[in-house]
């Protein structure tokens, strides 16, 4: 499997946001990365909605 085709800046930022080691991120299957990114976005959206309702 080829490493993901991400820019270095994007890879470092995603690694921090997803709390995943950079090397693991680069060799992660694309469908799993997309799933993790969707979970991250859903949690951010839920936090924003919670703040708006308070």
N, C-alpha and C. Protein backbone atom coordinates (compact mmCIF):
# COMPACT_ATOMS: atom_id res chain seq x y z
N UNK A 1 0.84 -1.17 0.00
CA UNK A 1 0.00 0.00 0.00
C UNK A 1 0.89 1.24 0.00
N UNK A 2 0.55 2.21 -0.84
CA UNK A 2 1.30 3.46 -0.91
C UNK A 2 0.93 4.36 0.26
N UNK A 3 1.88 5.15 0.74
CA UNK A 3 1.53 6.16 1.75
C UNK A 3 0.54 7.16 1.16
N UNK A 4 -0.23 7.79 2.02
CA UNK A 4 -1.18 8.79 1.57
C UNK A 4 -0.46 9.95 0.90
N UNK A 5 -1.08 10.55 -0.06
CA UNK A 5 -0.50 11.68 -0.77
C UNK A 5 -0.97 12.98 -0.11
N UNK A 6 -0.32 13.34 0.99
CA UNK A 6 -0.65 14.55 1.73
C UNK A 6 0.57 15.45 1.77
N UNK A 7 0.32 16.75 1.84
CA UNK A 7 1.44 17.66 2.02
C UNK A 7 1.96 17.47 3.45
N UNK A 8 3.22 17.79 3.69
CA UNK A 8 3.77 17.64 5.05
C UNK A 8 2.99 18.44 6.10
N UNK A 9 2.57 19.65 5.73
CA UNK A 9 1.83 20.48 6.68
C UNK A 9 0.48 19.85 7.03
N UNK A 10 -0.20 19.34 6.02
CA UNK A 10 -1.49 18.70 6.24
C UNK A 10 -1.34 17.45 7.08
N UNK A 11 -0.32 16.66 6.80
CA UNK A 11 -0.09 15.42 7.55
C UNK A 11 0.17 15.72 9.02
N UNK A 12 1.00 16.71 9.30
CA UNK A 12 1.31 17.06 10.69
C UNK A 12 0.06 17.56 11.40
N UNK A 13 -0.72 18.41 10.74
CA UNK A 13 -1.94 18.96 11.34
C UNK A 13 -2.96 17.85 11.62
N UNK A 14 -3.17 16.95 10.66
CA UNK A 14 -4.10 15.84 10.87
C UNK A 14 -3.62 14.92 11.99
N UNK A 15 -2.34 14.69 12.05
CA UNK A 15 -1.77 13.85 13.09
C UNK A 15 -2.08 14.42 14.47
N UNK A 16 -1.94 15.72 14.60
CA UNK A 16 -2.22 16.38 15.89
C UNK A 16 -3.72 16.32 16.22
N UNK A 17 -4.55 16.65 15.23
CA UNK A 17 -5.99 16.69 15.47
C UNK A 17 -6.57 15.32 15.77
N UNK A 18 -6.07 14.29 15.09
CA UNK A 18 -6.60 12.94 15.28
C UNK A 18 -5.89 12.19 16.41
N UNK A 19 -4.83 12.80 16.95
CA UNK A 19 -4.05 12.19 18.03
C UNK A 19 -3.52 10.82 17.60
N UNK A 20 -2.90 10.82 16.41
CA UNK A 20 -2.35 9.60 15.81
C UNK A 20 -0.90 9.90 15.42
N UNK A 21 0.01 8.98 15.69
CA UNK A 21 1.40 9.21 15.26
C UNK A 21 1.48 9.45 13.75
N UNK A 22 2.38 10.32 13.35
CA UNK A 22 2.50 10.72 11.95
C UNK A 22 2.73 9.52 11.03
N UNK A 23 3.62 8.62 11.42
CA UNK A 23 3.90 7.45 10.57
C UNK A 23 2.65 6.58 10.40
N UNK A 24 1.90 6.41 11.48
CA UNK A 24 0.67 5.62 11.41
C UNK A 24 -0.34 6.30 10.49
N UNK A 25 -0.43 7.61 10.58
CA UNK A 25 -1.35 8.36 9.73
C UNK A 25 -1.00 8.18 8.25
N UNK A 26 0.27 8.25 7.92
CA UNK A 26 0.69 8.16 6.52
C UNK A 26 0.43 6.78 5.91
N UNK A 27 0.37 5.76 6.74
CA UNK A 27 0.14 4.40 6.22
C UNK A 27 -1.28 3.91 6.51
N UNK A 28 -2.13 4.80 6.98
CA UNK A 28 -3.51 4.45 7.29
C UNK A 28 -4.30 4.31 5.99
N UNK A 29 -5.13 3.29 5.87
CA UNK A 29 -5.98 3.19 4.68
C UNK A 29 -6.87 4.43 4.55
N UNK A 30 -7.08 4.85 3.32
CA UNK A 30 -7.82 6.09 3.07
C UNK A 30 -9.22 6.06 3.67
N UNK A 31 -9.92 4.92 3.58
CA UNK A 31 -11.29 4.87 4.10
C UNK A 31 -11.32 5.04 5.63
N UNK A 32 -10.31 4.58 6.32
CA UNK A 32 -10.25 4.75 7.78
C UNK A 32 -9.94 6.20 8.12
N UNK A 33 -9.05 6.82 7.36
CA UNK A 33 -8.73 8.23 7.58
C UNK A 33 -9.97 9.09 7.38
N UNK A 34 -10.71 8.82 6.32
CA UNK A 34 -11.94 9.59 6.06
C UNK A 34 -12.93 9.40 7.21
N UNK A 35 -13.06 8.17 7.71
CA UNK A 35 -13.97 7.90 8.81
C UNK A 35 -13.55 8.68 10.06
N UNK A 36 -12.26 8.69 10.38
CA UNK A 36 -11.76 9.42 11.55
C UNK A 36 -11.98 10.93 11.39
N UNK A 37 -11.78 11.43 10.18
CA UNK A 37 -12.00 12.85 9.93
C UNK A 37 -13.48 13.21 10.10
N UNK A 38 -14.37 12.32 9.66
CA UNK A 38 -15.80 12.56 9.83
C UNK A 38 -16.18 12.56 11.30
N UNK A 39 -15.60 11.65 12.10
CA UNK A 39 -15.86 11.62 13.53
C UNK A 39 -15.37 12.90 14.20
N UNK A 40 -14.19 13.37 13.80
CA UNK A 40 -13.64 14.60 14.35
C UNK A 40 -14.55 15.78 14.03
N UNK A 41 -15.01 15.87 12.81
CA UNK A 41 -15.91 16.95 12.40
C UNK A 41 -17.24 16.88 13.15
N UNK A 42 -17.76 15.68 13.34
CA UNK A 42 -19.02 15.51 14.07
C UNK A 42 -18.87 15.96 15.52
N UNK A 43 -17.76 15.64 16.13
CA UNK A 43 -17.56 16.05 17.53
C UNK A 43 -17.40 17.56 17.63
N UNK A 44 -16.73 18.18 16.66
CA UNK A 44 -16.59 19.64 16.66
C UNK A 44 -17.94 20.31 16.48
N UNK A 45 -18.75 19.77 15.59
CA UNK A 45 -20.08 20.32 15.34
C UNK A 45 -20.95 20.19 16.59
N UNK A 46 -20.85 19.06 17.28
CA UNK A 46 -21.63 18.85 18.50
C UNK A 46 -21.21 19.84 19.58
N UNK A 47 -19.91 20.10 19.70
CA UNK A 47 -19.43 21.06 20.69
C UNK A 47 -19.93 22.47 20.38
N UNK A 48 -19.90 22.85 19.10
CA UNK A 48 -20.38 24.18 18.70
C UNK A 48 -21.87 24.32 18.98
N UNK A 49 -22.63 23.28 18.68
CA UNK A 49 -24.07 23.31 18.93
C UNK A 49 -24.34 23.44 20.42
N UNK A 50 -23.59 22.72 21.22
CA UNK A 50 -23.75 22.77 22.68
C UNK A 50 -23.46 24.17 23.20
N UNK A 51 -22.43 24.82 22.68
CA UNK A 51 -22.07 26.17 23.12
C UNK A 51 -23.15 27.17 22.72
N UNK A 52 -23.74 26.99 21.55
CA UNK A 52 -24.78 27.90 21.08
C UNK A 52 -26.05 27.80 21.91
N UNK A 53 -26.36 26.63 22.42
CA UNK A 53 -27.59 26.45 23.17
C UNK A 53 -27.46 26.88 24.64
N UNK A 54 -26.25 27.08 25.08
CA UNK A 54 -26.05 27.49 26.49
C UNK A 54 -26.27 28.95 26.68
